[in-house]
Amino acid sequence: MKAIVLAAGEGKRLRPLTYGIPKPLLPVGGRPVIDYVMDNIMKCPQIDTVYVAVSHMRVALESYVSKVKYDGIKVEPVTTLGWETGGDLKAVLLQKEIKEGPVLVCYGDNVTRLDTKSLIDAHKKNKGAYATVSLFSVPHRDVPRFGIAELEGNRISKFLEKPVEGTTTSRLANAGYFVLDASAVAGIPMRKFKLESEYFPSWAAAGNLYGQAQDINFWMDIGTVEAYCEANKAADEILPPPEAEE
């Protein structure tokens, strides 16, 4: 099974940091963000290859992942155009000729710890699922920042990308990890689009989008300089060193 890390944005809101460092290599708590993503991916023994979508400074990322051992998992940067989550995902699937079957998709700009193995197991049980999204509860004030799912059992009945106040009572947010059936996007033309806003809502309405709520202790975004600074401030308090984990 393959995993795809979406990290192709140029990180314009993180400049000047990203003038010289690709976003996946920005350190949080002394570790590059890509390592936290790989921590989650490595919980899935069935994953043998990880494709990292990047749009610039590919050489720097290649140099880093070539020197780090991820329990035998192959990590390969793939150059895309920075065409949002949908366009970059589509580009990787096309370049690597992945036409069907489940793939684990991960955002490359947040730091969290979640159970990707149980997410994949849940997707396999969801008959007819185009995708199964990892969900976690956020404070009411943060709802407009996320993609929010209304869950009925394990099926998402409604998905709202960054909803305005009053449009939903749910606080279940997209954690930035989902399992996608590659065939679900096979007919979508190659273009710039955001999968979560253009397709998740219609998939939910058609009964093809599922969710798995997890108890996630922390979730940190590094999308802006301010968020990145806050993530580093919080890192020492909430992130145990890797050797302290089971």
C-alpha atoms as a PDB file:
ATOM      1  CA  MET A   1       0.000   0.000   0.000  1.00  0.00           C
ATOM      2  CA  LYS A   2       1.127   3.548  -0.754  1.00  0.00           C
ATOM      3  CA  ALA A   3       0.890   6.793   1.187  1.00  0.00           C
ATOM      4  CA  ILE A   4       0.944  10.317  -0.228  1.00  0.00           C
ATOM      5  CA  VAL A   5       2.053  13.353   1.769  1.00  0.00           C
ATOM      6  CA  LEU A   6       0.683  16.621   0.374  1.00  0.00           C
ATOM      7  CA  ALA A   7       3.399  19.216   0.933  1.00  0.00           C
ATOM      8  CA  ALA A   8       3.624  20.995  -2.418  1.00  0.00           C
ATOM      9  CA  GLY A   9       2.577  24.456  -1.308  1.00  0.00           C
ATOM     10  CA  GLU A  10       5.350  27.016  -1.581  1.00  0.00           C
ATOM     11  CA  GLY A  11       4.683  28.098   1.981  1.00  0.00           C
ATOM     12  CA  LYS A  12       4.209  31.749   1.035  1.00  0.00           C
ATOM     13  CA  ARG A  13       2.644  32.517   4.413  1.00  0.00           C
ATOM     14  CA  LEU A  14       5.768  31.090   6.048  1.00  0.00           C
ATOM     15  CA  ARG A  15       8.200  33.367   4.269  1.00  0.00           C
ATOM     16  CA  PRO A  16      10.999  34.244   4.841  1.00  0.00           C
ATOM     17  CA  LEU A  17      11.497  30.793   6.451  1.00  0.00           C
ATOM     18  CA  THR A  18      10.560  28.938   3.267  1.00  0.00           C
ATOM     19  CA  TYR A  19      12.866  30.939   1.010  1.00  0.00           C
ATOM     20  CA  GLY A  20      15.605  28.488   1.941  1.00  0.00           C
ATOM     21  CA  ILE A  21      13.846  25.535   3.567  1.00  0.00           C
ATOM     22  CA  PRO A  22      10.997  23.479   2.044  1.00  0.00           C
ATOM     23  CA  LYS A  23       7.966  23.382   4.319  1.00  0.00           C
ATOM     24  CA  PRO A  24       8.260  19.633   5.134  1.00  0.00           C
ATOM     25  CA  LEU A  25      11.725  20.248   6.603  1.00  0.00           C
ATOM     26  CA  LEU A  26      10.806  23.120   8.915  1.00  0.00           C
ATOM     27  CA  PRO A  27      11.644  21.956  12.449  1.00  0.00           C
ATOM     28  CA  VAL A  28       9.117  21.752  15.274  1.00  0.00           C
ATOM     29  CA  GLY A  29      10.563  20.761  18.607  1.00  0.00           C
ATOM     30  CA  GLY A  30      13.867  20.026  16.895  1.00  0.00           C
ATOM     31  CA  ARG A  31      12.409  17.622  14.320  1.00  0.00           C
ATOM     32  CA  PRO A  32      11.314  18.311  10.721  1.00  0.00           C
ATOM     33  CA  VAL A  33       7.556  18.247  10.201  1.00  0.00           C
ATOM     34  CA  ILE A  34       7.949  15.364   7.724  1.00  0.00           C
ATOM     35  CA  ASP A  35       9.206  13.172  10.567  1.00  0.00           C
ATOM     36  CA  TYR A  36       6.003  13.599  12.569  1.00  0.00           C
ATOM     37  CA  VAL A  37       3.992  12.608   9.496  1.00  0.00           C
ATOM     38  CA  MET A  38       6.223   9.584   8.997  1.00  0.00           C
ATOM     39  CA  ASP A  39       5.754   8.596  12.651  1.00  0.00           C
ATOM     40  CA  ASN A  40       2.044   8.210  11.929  1.00  0.00           C
ATOM     41  CA  ILE A  41       2.563   6.455   8.609  1.00  0.00           C
ATOM     42  CA  MET A  42       4.970   3.928  10.111  1.00  0.00           C
ATOM     43  CA  LYS A  43       2.181   2.637  12.348  1.00  0.00           C
ATOM     44  CA  CYS A  44       0.835   0.899   9.214  1.00  0.00           C
ATOM     45  CA  PRO A  45       2.895  -2.209   8.411  1.00  0.00           C
ATOM     46  CA  GLN A  46       1.186  -2.548   5.016  1.00  0.00           C
ATOM     47  CA  ILE A  47       2.645   0.738   3.712  1.00  0.00           C
ATOM     48  CA  ASP A  48       5.892   0.253   1.801  1.00  0.00           C
ATOM     49  CA  THR A  49       6.232   3.524  -0.136  1.00  0.00           C
ATOM     50  CA  VAL A  50       5.535   7.153   0.666  1.00  0.00           C
ATOM     51  CA  TYR A  51       5.320   9.771  -2.081  1.00  0.00           C
ATOM     52  CA  VAL A  52       5.849  13.347  -0.926  1.00  0.00           C
ATOM     53  CA  ALA A  53       4.285  15.951  -3.245  1.00  0.00           C
ATOM     54  CA  VAL A  54       6.620  18.948  -3.494  1.00  0.00           C
ATOM     55  CA  SER A  55       6.718  21.912  -5.833  1.00  0.00           C
ATOM     56  CA  HIS A  56      10.096  23.478  -5.098  1.00  0.00           C
ATOM     57  CA  MET A  57      13.388  22.667  -3.376  1.00  0.00           C
ATOM     58  CA  ARG A  58      12.973  18.978  -4.164  1.00  0.00           C
ATOM     59  CA  VAL A  59      16.734  18.389  -3.920  1.00  0.00           C
ATOM     60  CA  ALA A  60      16.798  19.457  -0.262  1.00  0.00           C
ATOM     61  CA  LEU A  61      13.981  17.071   0.621  1.00  0.00           C
ATOM     62  CA  GLU A  62      15.559  14.223  -1.374  1.00  0.00           C
ATOM     63  CA  SER A  63      18.849  14.779   0.418  1.00  0.00           C
ATOM     64  CA  TYR A  64      17.167  14.595   3.815  1.00  0.00           C
ATOM     65  CA  VAL A  65      14.994  11.520   3.280  1.00  0.00           C
ATOM     66  CA  SER A  66      17.901   9.658   1.661  1.00  0.00           C
ATOM     67  CA  LYS A  67      19.802   9.896   4.936  1.00  0.00           C
ATOM     68  CA  VAL A  68      16.978   8.997   7.316  1.00  0.00           C
ATOM     69  CA  LYS A  69      15.804   5.416   7.776  1.00  0.00           C
ATOM     70  CA  TYR A  70      12.062   5.026   8.160  1.00  0.00           C
ATOM     71  CA  ASP A  71      11.824   1.352   9.121  1.00  0.00           C
ATOM     72  CA  GLY A  72      12.458   0.231   5.571  1.00  0.00           C
ATOM     73  CA  ILE A  73       9.767   2.433   4.028  1.00  0.00           C
ATOM     74  CA  LYS A  74      10.793   4.055   0.750  1.00  0.00           C
ATOM     75  CA  VAL A  75      10.244   7.824   0.718  1.00  0.00           C
ATOM     76  CA  GLU A  76      10.218   9.481  -2.710  1.00  0.00           C
ATOM     77  CA  PRO A  77       9.596  13.172  -3.453  1.00  0.00           C
ATOM     78  CA  VAL A  78       7.341  13.772  -6.473  1.00  0.00           C
ATOM     79  CA  THR A  79       7.338  17.161  -8.191  1.00  0.00           C
ATOM     80  CA  THR A  80       3.857  18.655  -8.633  1.00  0.00           C
ATOM     81  CA  LEU A  81       2.526  22.113  -9.467  1.00  0.00           C
ATOM     82  CA  GLY A  82       1.187  23.244  -6.117  1.00  0.00           C
ATOM     83  CA  TRP A  83      -2.382  22.846  -7.394  1.00  0.00           C
ATOM     84  CA  GLU A  84      -4.104  22.476  -4.027  1.00  0.00           C
ATOM     85  CA  THR A  85      -4.842  19.113  -2.415  1.00  0.00           C
ATOM     86  CA  GLY A  86      -6.807  17.729  -5.366  1.00  0.00           C
ATOM     87  CA  GLY A  87      -4.482  18.780  -8.173  1.00  0.00           C
ATOM     88  CA  ASP A  88      -1.348  17.618  -6.389  1.00  0.00           C
ATOM     89  CA  LEU A  89      -2.933  14.342  -5.321  1.00  0.00           C
ATOM     90  CA  LYS A  90      -4.077  13.741  -8.887  1.00  0.00           C
ATOM     91  CA  ALA A  91      -0.562  14.514 -10.178  1.00  0.00           C
ATOM     92  CA  VAL A  92       1.038  11.928  -7.900  1.00  0.00           C
ATOM     93  CA  LEU A  93      -1.529   9.268  -8.786  1.00  0.00           C
ATOM     94  CA  LEU A  94      -0.961   9.884 -12.494  1.00  0.00           C
ATOM     95  CA  GLN A  95       2.836   9.951 -12.312  1.00  0.00           C
ATOM     96  CA  LYS A  96       2.970   6.778 -10.242  1.00  0.00           C
ATOM     97  CA  GLU A  97       0.187   5.086 -12.231  1.00  0.00           C
ATOM     98  CA  ILE A  98      -1.977   4.404  -9.186  1.00  0.00           C
ATOM     99  CA  LYS A  99      -5.431   3.805 -10.626  1.00  0.00           C
ATOM    100  CA  GLU A 100      -7.283   1.856  -7.968  1.00  0.00           C
ATOM    101  CA  GLY A 101      -7.109   0.599  -4.424  1.00  0.00           C
ATOM    102  CA  PRO A 102      -6.715   2.483  -1.152  1.00  0.00           C
ATOM    103  CA  VAL A 103      -3.997   5.069  -0.539  1.00  0.00           C
ATOM    104  CA  LEU A 104      -3.313   6.894   2.711  1.00  0.00           C
ATOM    105  CA  VAL A 105      -3.284  10.664   2.153  1.00  0.00           C
ATOM    106  CA  CYS A 106      -1.654  12.966   4.713  1.00  0.00           C
ATOM    107  CA  TYR A 107      -1.361  16.734   4.952  1.00  0.00           C
ATOM    108  CA  GLY A 108       2.257  17.786   5.301  1.00  0.00           C
ATOM    109  CA  ASP A 109       1.748  20.981   7.280  1.00  0.00           C
ATOM    110  CA  ASN A 110       0.459  19.818  10.645  1.00  0.00           C
ATOM    111  CA  VAL A 111       1.927  18.034  13.635  1.00  0.00           C
ATOM    112  CA  THR A 112      -0.201  15.459  15.386  1.00  0.00           C
ATOM    113  CA  ARG A 113      -0.234  11.848  16.478  1.00  0.00           C
ATOM    114  CA  LEU A 114      -3.053   9.581  15.391  1.00  0.00           C
ATOM    115  CA  ASP A 115      -3.731   5.935  14.679  1.00  0.00           C
ATOM    116  CA  THR A 116      -3.404   5.508  10.925  1.00  0.00           C
ATOM    117  CA  LYS A 117      -3.569   1.724  11.169  1.00  0.00           C
ATOM    118  CA  SER A 118      -7.065   1.804  12.658  1.00  0.00           C
ATOM    119  CA  LEU A 119      -8.066   4.400  10.047  1.00  0.00           C
ATOM    120  CA  ILE A 120      -7.027   2.058   7.240  1.00  0.00           C
ATOM    121  CA  ASP A 121      -8.752  -0.884   8.927  1.00  0.00           C
ATOM    122  CA  ALA A 122     -11.939   1.186   9.252  1.00  0.00           C
ATOM    123  CA  HIS A 123     -11.861   2.132   5.571  1.00  0.00           C
ATOM    124  CA  LYS A 124     -11.670  -1.496   4.525  1.00  0.00           C
ATOM    125  CA  LYS A 125     -14.909  -2.150   6.408  1.00  0.00           C
ATOM    126  CA  ASN A 126     -16.759   0.797   4.866  1.00  0.00           C
ATOM    127  CA  LYS A 127     -18.482  -0.734   1.865  1.00  0.00           C
ATOM    128  CA  GLY A 128     -18.696   1.651  -1.071  1.00  0.00           C
ATOM    129  CA  ALA A 129     -16.503   4.297   0.587  1.00  0.00           C
ATOM    130  CA  TYR A 130     -14.695   6.701  -1.715  1.00  0.00           C
ATOM    131  CA  ALA A 131     -12.774   7.963   1.311  1.00  0.00           C
ATOM    132  CA  THR A 132     -12.616   7.577   5.079  1.00  0.00           C
ATOM    133  CA  VAL A 133     -11.540  10.699   6.944  1.00  0.00           C
ATOM    134  CA  SER A 134      -9.826  10.841  10.336  1.00  0.00           C
ATOM    135  CA  LEU A 135     -11.837  13.183  12.573  1.00  0.00           C
ATOM    136  CA  PHE A 136     -11.218  14.816  15.920  1.00  0.00           C
ATOM    137  CA  SER A 137     -13.158  17.168  18.147  1.00  0.00           C
ATOM    138  CA  VAL A 138     -12.164  20.841  18.141  1.00  0.00           C
ATOM    139  CA  PRO A 139     -13.344  23.749  20.306  1.00  0.00           C
ATOM    140  CA  HIS A 140     -16.390  25.574  18.983  1.00  0.00           C
ATOM    141  CA  ARG A 141     -14.327  28.702  18.264  1.00  0.00           C
ATOM    142  CA  ASP A 142     -12.058  26.707  15.902  1.00  0.00           C
ATOM    143  CA  VAL A 143     -14.840  25.181  13.777  1.00  0.00           C
ATOM    144  CA  PRO A 144     -14.532  27.811  10.969  1.00  0.00           C
ATOM    145  CA  ARG A 145     -10.844  26.872  10.495  1.00  0.00           C
ATOM    146  CA  PHE A 146     -11.502  23.256   9.534  1.00  0.00           C
ATOM    147  CA  GLY A 147     -13.429  20.925   7.295  1.00  0.00           C
ATOM    148  CA  ILE A 148     -16.278  19.791   9.560  1.00  0.00           C
ATOM    149  CA  ALA A 149     -18.149  16.505   9.310  1.00  0.00           C
ATOM    150  CA  GLU A 150     -21.581  15.558  10.582  1.00  0.00           C
ATOM    151  CA  LEU A 151     -21.334  11.891  11.440  1.00  0.00           C
ATOM    152  CA  GLU A 152     -24.133   9.312  11.471  1.00  0.00           C
ATOM    153  CA  GLY A 153     -22.635   6.087  12.718  1.00  0.00           C
ATOM    154  CA  ASN A 154     -19.471   5.829  10.678  1.00  0.00           C
ATOM    155  CA  ARG A 155     -20.877   7.604   7.609  1.00  0.00           C
ATOM    156  CA  ILE A 156     -20.417  11.330   7.042  1.00  0.00           C
ATOM    157  CA  SER A 157     -23.861  12.700   6.192  1.00  0.00           C
ATOM    158  CA  LYS A 158     -22.621  16.249   5.592  1.00  0.00           C
ATOM    159  CA  PHE A 159     -19.188  17.782   5.055  1.00  0.00           C
ATOM    160  CA  LEU A 160     -18.581  21.528   5.237  1.00  0.00           C
ATOM    161  CA  GLU A 161     -15.202  23.043   4.389  1.00  0.00           C
ATOM    162  CA  LYS A 162     -14.559  25.938   6.804  1.00  0.00           C
ATOM    163  CA  PRO A 163     -18.241  26.479   7.639  1.00  0.00           C
ATOM    164  CA  VAL A 164     -19.628  29.852   8.629  1.00  0.00           C
ATOM    165  CA  GLU A 165     -21.156  30.156  12.076  1.00  0.00           C
ATOM    166  CA  GLY A 166     -24.605  28.659  12.414  1.00  0.00           C
ATOM    167  CA  THR A 167     -24.382  26.186   9.521  1.00  0.00           C
ATOM    168  CA  THR A 168     -23.488  23.161  11.664  1.00  0.00           C
ATOM    169  CA  THR A 169     -23.507  22.053  15.273  1.00  0.00           C
ATOM    170  CA  SER A 170     -20.762  19.473  14.741  1.00  0.00           C
ATOM    171  CA  ARG A 171     -17.255  19.964  16.090  1.00  0.00           C
ATOM    172  CA  LEU A 172     -15.720  16.946  14.314  1.00  0.00           C
ATOM    173  CA  ALA A 173     -12.863  18.262  12.182  1.00  0.00           C
ATOM    174  CA  ASN A 174     -10.773  16.777   9.397  1.00  0.00           C
ATOM    175  CA  ALA A 175      -7.458  15.830  11.025  1.00  0.00           C
ATOM    176  CA  GLY A 176      -5.593  15.960   7.718  1.00  0.00           C
ATOM    177  CA  TYR A 177      -5.401  12.198   7.191  1.00  0.00           C
ATOM    178  CA  PHE A 178      -7.755  10.167   5.041  1.00  0.00           C
ATOM    179  CA  VAL A 179      -7.803   6.895   3.143  1.00  0.00           C
ATOM    180  CA  LEU A 180      -8.867   7.374  -0.472  1.00  0.00           C
ATOM    181  CA  ASP A 181      -9.927   4.859  -3.084  1.00  0.00           C
ATOM    182  CA  ALA A 182      -7.830   5.955  -6.067  1.00  0.00           C
ATOM    183  CA  SER A 183     -10.575   4.992  -8.512  1.00  0.00           C
ATOM    184  CA  ALA A 184     -12.829   7.679  -6.970  1.00  0.00           C
ATOM    185  CA  VAL A 185     -10.737  10.436  -8.576  1.00  0.00           C
ATOM    186  CA  ALA A 186      -9.839   8.587 -11.789  1.00  0.00           C
ATOM    187  CA  GLY A 187     -12.403  10.508 -13.829  1.00  0.00           C
ATOM    188  CA  ILE A 188     -11.478  13.944 -12.493  1.00  0.00           C
ATOM    189  CA  PRO A 189      -9.445  15.931 -15.044  1.00  0.00           C
ATOM    190  CA  MET A 190      -6.009  17.207 -14.119  1.00  0.00           C
ATOM    191  CA  ARG A 191      -6.535  20.739 -12.847  1.00  0.00           C
ATOM    192  CA  LYS A 192      -6.171  22.911  -9.768  1.00  0.00           C
ATOM    193  CA  PHE A 193      -8.833  22.020  -7.224  1.00  0.00           C
ATOM    194  CA  LYS A 194      -9.365  21.345  -3.555  1.00  0.00           C
ATOM    195  CA  LEU A 195     -10.720  17.865  -2.988  1.00  0.00           C
ATOM    196  CA  GLU A 196     -12.278  18.714   0.376  1.00  0.00           C
ATOM    197  CA  SER A 197     -14.436  21.598  -0.861  1.00  0.00           C
ATOM    198  CA  GLU A 198     -15.299  20.330  -4.354  1.00  0.00           C
ATOM    199  CA  TYR A 199     -15.859  16.600  -3.789  1.00  0.00           C
ATOM    200  CA  PHE A 200     -16.151  15.692  -0.106  1.00  0.00           C
ATOM    201  CA  PRO A 201     -19.565  17.430   0.218  1.00  0.00           C
ATOM    202  CA  SER A 202     -21.053  15.615  -2.798  1.00  0.00           C
ATOM    203  CA  TRP A 203     -19.524  12.309  -1.754  1.00  0.00           C
ATOM    204  CA  ALA A 204     -21.099  12.751   1.677  1.00  0.00           C
ATOM    205  CA  ALA A 205     -24.495  13.541   0.141  1.00  0.00           C
ATOM    206  CA  ALA A 206     -24.250  10.396  -2.000  1.00  0.00           C
ATOM    207  CA  GLY A 207     -23.330   8.206   0.978  1.00  0.00           C
ATOM    208  CA  ASN A 208     -19.758   7.529  -0.160  1.00  0.00           C
ATOM    209  CA  LEU A 209     -17.815   9.484   2.480  1.00  0.00           C
ATOM    210  CA  TYR A 210     -17.046   7.932   5.840  1.00  0.00           C
ATOM    211  CA  GLY A 211     -15.321   9.105   8.977  1.00  0.00           C
ATOM    212  CA  GLN A 212     -13.484   7.720  11.957  1.00  0.00           C
ATOM    213  CA  ALA A 213     -13.438   9.859  15.087  1.00  0.00           C
ATOM    214  CA  GLN A 214     -10.252   9.567  17.113  1.00  0.00           C
ATOM    215  CA  ASP A 215      -9.211  10.918  20.499  1.00  0.00           C
ATOM    216  CA  ILE A 216      -6.345  13.145  19.348  1.00  0.00           C
ATOM    217  CA  ASN A 217      -4.502  14.851  22.195  1.00  0.00           C
ATOM    218  CA  PHE A 218      -2.893  17.555  20.109  1.00  0.00           C
ATOM    219  CA  TRP A 219      -3.013  18.964  16.608  1.00  0.00           C
ATOM    220  CA  MET A 220      -0.768  21.818  15.516  1.00  0.00           C
ATOM    221  CA  ASP A 221      -0.814  23.686  12.226  1.00  0.00           C
ATOM    222  CA  ILE A 222       2.335  25.330  10.824  1.00  0.00           C
ATOM    223  CA  GLY A 223       0.677  27.086   7.885  1.00  0.00           C
ATOM    224  CA  THR A 224       1.638  30.614   8.933  1.00  0.00           C
ATOM    225  CA  VAL A 225       4.624  32.158  10.704  1.00  0.00           C
ATOM    226  CA  GLU A 226       2.421  32.850  13.724  1.00  0.00           C
ATOM    227  CA  ALA A 227       1.120  29.260  13.857  1.00  0.00           C
ATOM    228  CA  TYR A 228       4.627  27.915  13.339  1.00  0.00           C
ATOM    229  CA  CYS A 229       5.951  29.949  16.260  1.00  0.00           C
ATOM    230  CA  GLU A 230       3.085  28.769  18.472  1.00  0.00           C
ATOM    231  CA  ALA A 231       3.747  25.155  17.491  1.00  0.00           C
ATOM    232  CA  ASN A 232       7.364  25.454  18.567  1.00  0.00           C
ATOM    233  CA  LYS A 233       6.388  27.102  21.844  1.00  0.00           C
ATOM    234  CA  ALA A 234       3.999  24.266  22.603  1.00  0.00           C
ATOM    235  CA  ALA A 235       6.297  21.480  21.405  1.00  0.00           C
ATOM    236  CA  ASP A 236       8.344  21.167  24.580  1.00  0.00           C
ATOM    237  CA  GLU A 237       5.216  20.795  26.695  1.00  0.00           C
ATOM    238  CA  ILE A 238       3.108  18.396  24.632  1.00  0.00           C
ATOM    239  CA  LEU A 239       5.502  16.426  22.437  1.00  0.00           C
ATOM    240  CA  PRO A 240       7.372  13.623  24.192  1.00  0.00           C
ATOM    241  CA  PRO A 241      10.716  12.691  22.643  1.00  0.00           C
ATOM    242  CA  PRO A 242      10.470   9.797  20.160  1.00  0.00           C
ATOM    243  CA  GLU A 243      12.400   7.434  22.445  1.00  0.00           C
ATOM    244  CA  ALA A 244       9.820   7.970  25.177  1.00  0.00           C
ATOM    245  CA  GLU A 245       7.000   6.615  23.030  1.00  0.00           C
ATOM    246  CA  GLU A 246       5.973   2.988  22.950  1.00  0.00           C
END
